[in-house]
Amino acid sequence: MRYSTRDWRDNIHQAAKDFKFQATLKPRLDRAVEDWHKTQPEPTDPVVVDEPIDDELQTGDSRLLGGGMSIHAPWTNNSDTKK
């Protein structure tokens, strides 16, 4: 026992509140994380540029590989401004 101005019922009530808080903490955090994920923008696919076969540079068996190919991040896509 320790000396306190609080009643023993107050200590039991506080212990019950602490238990409830700990028991409901994980579901509340999980819900908050799910809500945060819902607010994030959807990831965009990379921009794949497939060039046609260059007759001057690709001769012989290298033509079987096809033209040049490059992959770009969607935020660096300048294809709309080239038109």
C-alpha atoms as a PDB file:
ATOM      1  CA  MET A   1       0.000   0.000   0.000  1.00  0.00           C
ATOM      2  CA  ARG A   2       1.052   3.514  -0.543  1.00  0.00           C
ATOM      3  CA  TYR A   3      -0.293   6.736   0.748  1.00  0.00           C
ATOM      4  CA  SER A   4      -2.520   8.582  -1.690  1.00  0.00           C
ATOM      5  CA  THR A   5      -5.414  10.987  -1.607  1.00  0.00           C
ATOM      6  CA  ARG A   6      -7.166   8.933  -4.267  1.00  0.00           C
ATOM      7  CA  ASP A   7      -9.681   6.291  -3.359  1.00  0.00           C
ATOM      8  CA  TRP A   8      -8.836   2.647  -4.174  1.00  0.00           C
ATOM      9  CA  ARG A   9     -11.780   2.620  -6.611  1.00  0.00           C
ATOM     10  CA  ASP A  10     -10.116   5.417  -8.571  1.00  0.00           C
ATOM     11  CA  ASN A  11      -7.007   3.261  -8.934  1.00  0.00           C
ATOM     12  CA  ILE A  12      -9.089   0.351 -10.236  1.00  0.00           C
ATOM     13  CA  HIS A  13     -10.945   2.652 -12.615  1.00  0.00           C
ATOM     14  CA  GLN A  14      -7.638   4.059 -13.948  1.00  0.00           C
ATOM     15  CA  ALA A  15      -6.245   0.533 -14.372  1.00  0.00           C
ATOM     16  CA  ALA A  16      -9.348  -0.445 -16.366  1.00  0.00           C
ATOM     17  CA  LYS A  17      -8.947   2.639 -18.577  1.00  0.00           C
ATOM     18  CA  ASP A  18      -5.274   1.788 -19.148  1.00  0.00           C
ATOM     19  CA  PHE A  19      -6.171  -1.802 -20.048  1.00  0.00           C
ATOM     20  CA  LYS A  20      -8.835  -0.651 -22.512  1.00  0.00           C
ATOM     21  CA  PHE A  21      -6.418   1.818 -24.100  1.00  0.00           C
ATOM     22  CA  GLN A  22      -3.767  -0.863 -24.609  1.00  0.00           C
ATOM     23  CA  ALA A  23      -6.339  -3.356 -25.928  1.00  0.00           C
ATOM     24  CA  THR A  24      -7.718  -0.941 -28.533  1.00  0.00           C
ATOM     25  CA  LEU A  25      -4.442   0.707 -29.541  1.00  0.00           C
ATOM     26  CA  LYS A  26      -3.433  -1.775 -32.269  1.00  0.00           C
ATOM     27  CA  PRO A  27      -6.795  -1.728 -34.117  1.00  0.00           C
ATOM     28  CA  ARG A  28      -6.866   2.074 -34.008  1.00  0.00           C
ATOM     29  CA  LEU A  29      -3.332   2.290 -35.383  1.00  0.00           C
ATOM     30  CA  ASP A  30      -4.132  -0.251 -38.112  1.00  0.00           C
ATOM     31  CA  ARG A  31      -7.208   1.765 -39.115  1.00  0.00           C
ATOM     32  CA  ALA A  32      -5.171   4.986 -39.191  1.00  0.00           C
ATOM     33  CA  VAL A  33      -2.550   3.351 -41.416  1.00  0.00           C
ATOM     34  CA  GLU A  34      -5.242   2.044 -43.789  1.00  0.00           C
ATOM     35  CA  ASP A  35      -6.823   5.502 -43.966  1.00  0.00           C
ATOM     36  CA  TRP A  36      -3.437   7.027 -44.750  1.00  0.00           C
ATOM     37  CA  HIS A  37      -2.812   4.512 -47.545  1.00  0.00           C
ATOM     38  CA  LYS A  38      -6.218   5.342 -49.050  1.00  0.00           C
ATOM     39  CA  THR A  39      -5.254   9.014 -49.289  1.00  0.00           C
ATOM     40  CA  GLN A  40      -2.023   8.315 -51.183  1.00  0.00           C
ATOM     41  CA  PRO A  41      -2.036   8.589 -54.994  1.00  0.00           C
ATOM     42  CA  GLU A  42      -1.930   5.418 -57.039  1.00  0.00           C
ATOM     43  CA  PRO A  43       1.536   4.558 -58.371  1.00  0.00           C
ATOM     44  CA  THR A  44       1.965   5.152 -62.072  1.00  0.00           C
ATOM     45  CA  ASP A  45       3.561   2.729 -64.490  1.00  0.00           C
ATOM     46  CA  PRO A  46       6.904   3.605 -66.091  1.00  0.00           C
ATOM     47  CA  VAL A  47       6.927   4.948 -69.629  1.00  0.00           C
ATOM     48  CA  VAL A  48       8.461   2.409 -72.012  1.00  0.00           C
ATOM     49  CA  VAL A  49       9.713   3.805 -75.323  1.00  0.00           C
ATOM     50  CA  ASP A  50      10.294   1.202 -78.032  1.00  0.00           C
ATOM     51  CA  GLU A  51      12.170   2.670 -81.011  1.00  0.00           C
ATOM     52  CA  PRO A  52      11.856   1.201 -84.507  1.00  0.00           C
ATOM     53  CA  ILE A  53      14.804  -0.646 -86.062  1.00  0.00           C
ATOM     54  CA  ASP A  54      17.451   1.770 -87.388  1.00  0.00           C
ATOM     55  CA  ASP A  55      18.631   0.511 -90.787  1.00  0.00           C
ATOM     56  CA  GLU A  56      21.927   2.423 -90.637  1.00  0.00           C
ATOM     57  CA  LEU A  57      23.022   1.313 -87.177  1.00  0.00           C
ATOM     58  CA  GLN A  58      21.544  -2.185 -87.011  1.00  0.00           C
ATOM     59  CA  THR A  59      22.810  -4.570 -89.623  1.00  0.00           C
ATOM     60  CA  GLY A  60      22.971  -8.342 -89.757  1.00  0.00           C
ATOM     61  CA  ASP A  61      21.883 -10.297 -86.677  1.00  0.00           C
ATOM     62  CA  SER A  62      21.462  -7.194 -84.535  1.00  0.00           C
ATOM     63  CA  ARG A  63      18.222  -6.494 -86.411  1.00  0.00           C
ATOM     64  CA  LEU A  64      16.728  -9.575 -84.726  1.00  0.00           C
ATOM     65  CA  LEU A  65      16.968  -7.776 -81.367  1.00  0.00           C
ATOM     66  CA  GLY A  66      14.689  -4.968 -82.511  1.00  0.00           C
ATOM     67  CA  GLY A  67      15.101  -1.242 -82.085  1.00  0.00           C
ATOM     68  CA  GLY A  68      16.309   0.685 -79.108  1.00  0.00           C
ATOM     69  CA  MET A  69      14.287   0.635 -75.915  1.00  0.00           C
ATOM     70  CA  SER A  70      14.263   2.946 -72.914  1.00  0.00           C
ATOM     71  CA  ILE A  71      12.280   3.185 -69.698  1.00  0.00           C
ATOM     72  CA  HIS A  72      11.485   6.562 -68.135  1.00  0.00           C
ATOM     73  CA  ALA A  73       9.839   7.707 -64.942  1.00  0.00           C
ATOM     74  CA  PRO A  74       6.303   8.992 -65.621  1.00  0.00           C
ATOM     75  CA  TRP A  75       7.058  12.424 -64.202  1.00  0.00           C
ATOM     76  CA  THR A  76       9.857  12.905 -66.779  1.00  0.00           C
ATOM     77  CA  ASN A  77       7.610  12.051 -69.734  1.00  0.00           C
ATOM     78  CA  ASN A  78       7.867  14.945 -72.177  1.00  0.00           C
ATOM     79  CA  SER A  79       6.088  13.203 -75.055  1.00  0.00           C
ATOM     80  CA  ASP A  80       3.148  15.654 -74.854  1.00  0.00           C
ATOM     81  CA  THR A  81       5.417  18.654 -75.347  1.00  0.00           C
ATOM     82  CA  LYS A  82       7.217  17.203 -78.412  1.00  0.00           C
ATOM     83  CA  LYS A  83       4.106  17.291 -80.594  1.00  0.00           C
END
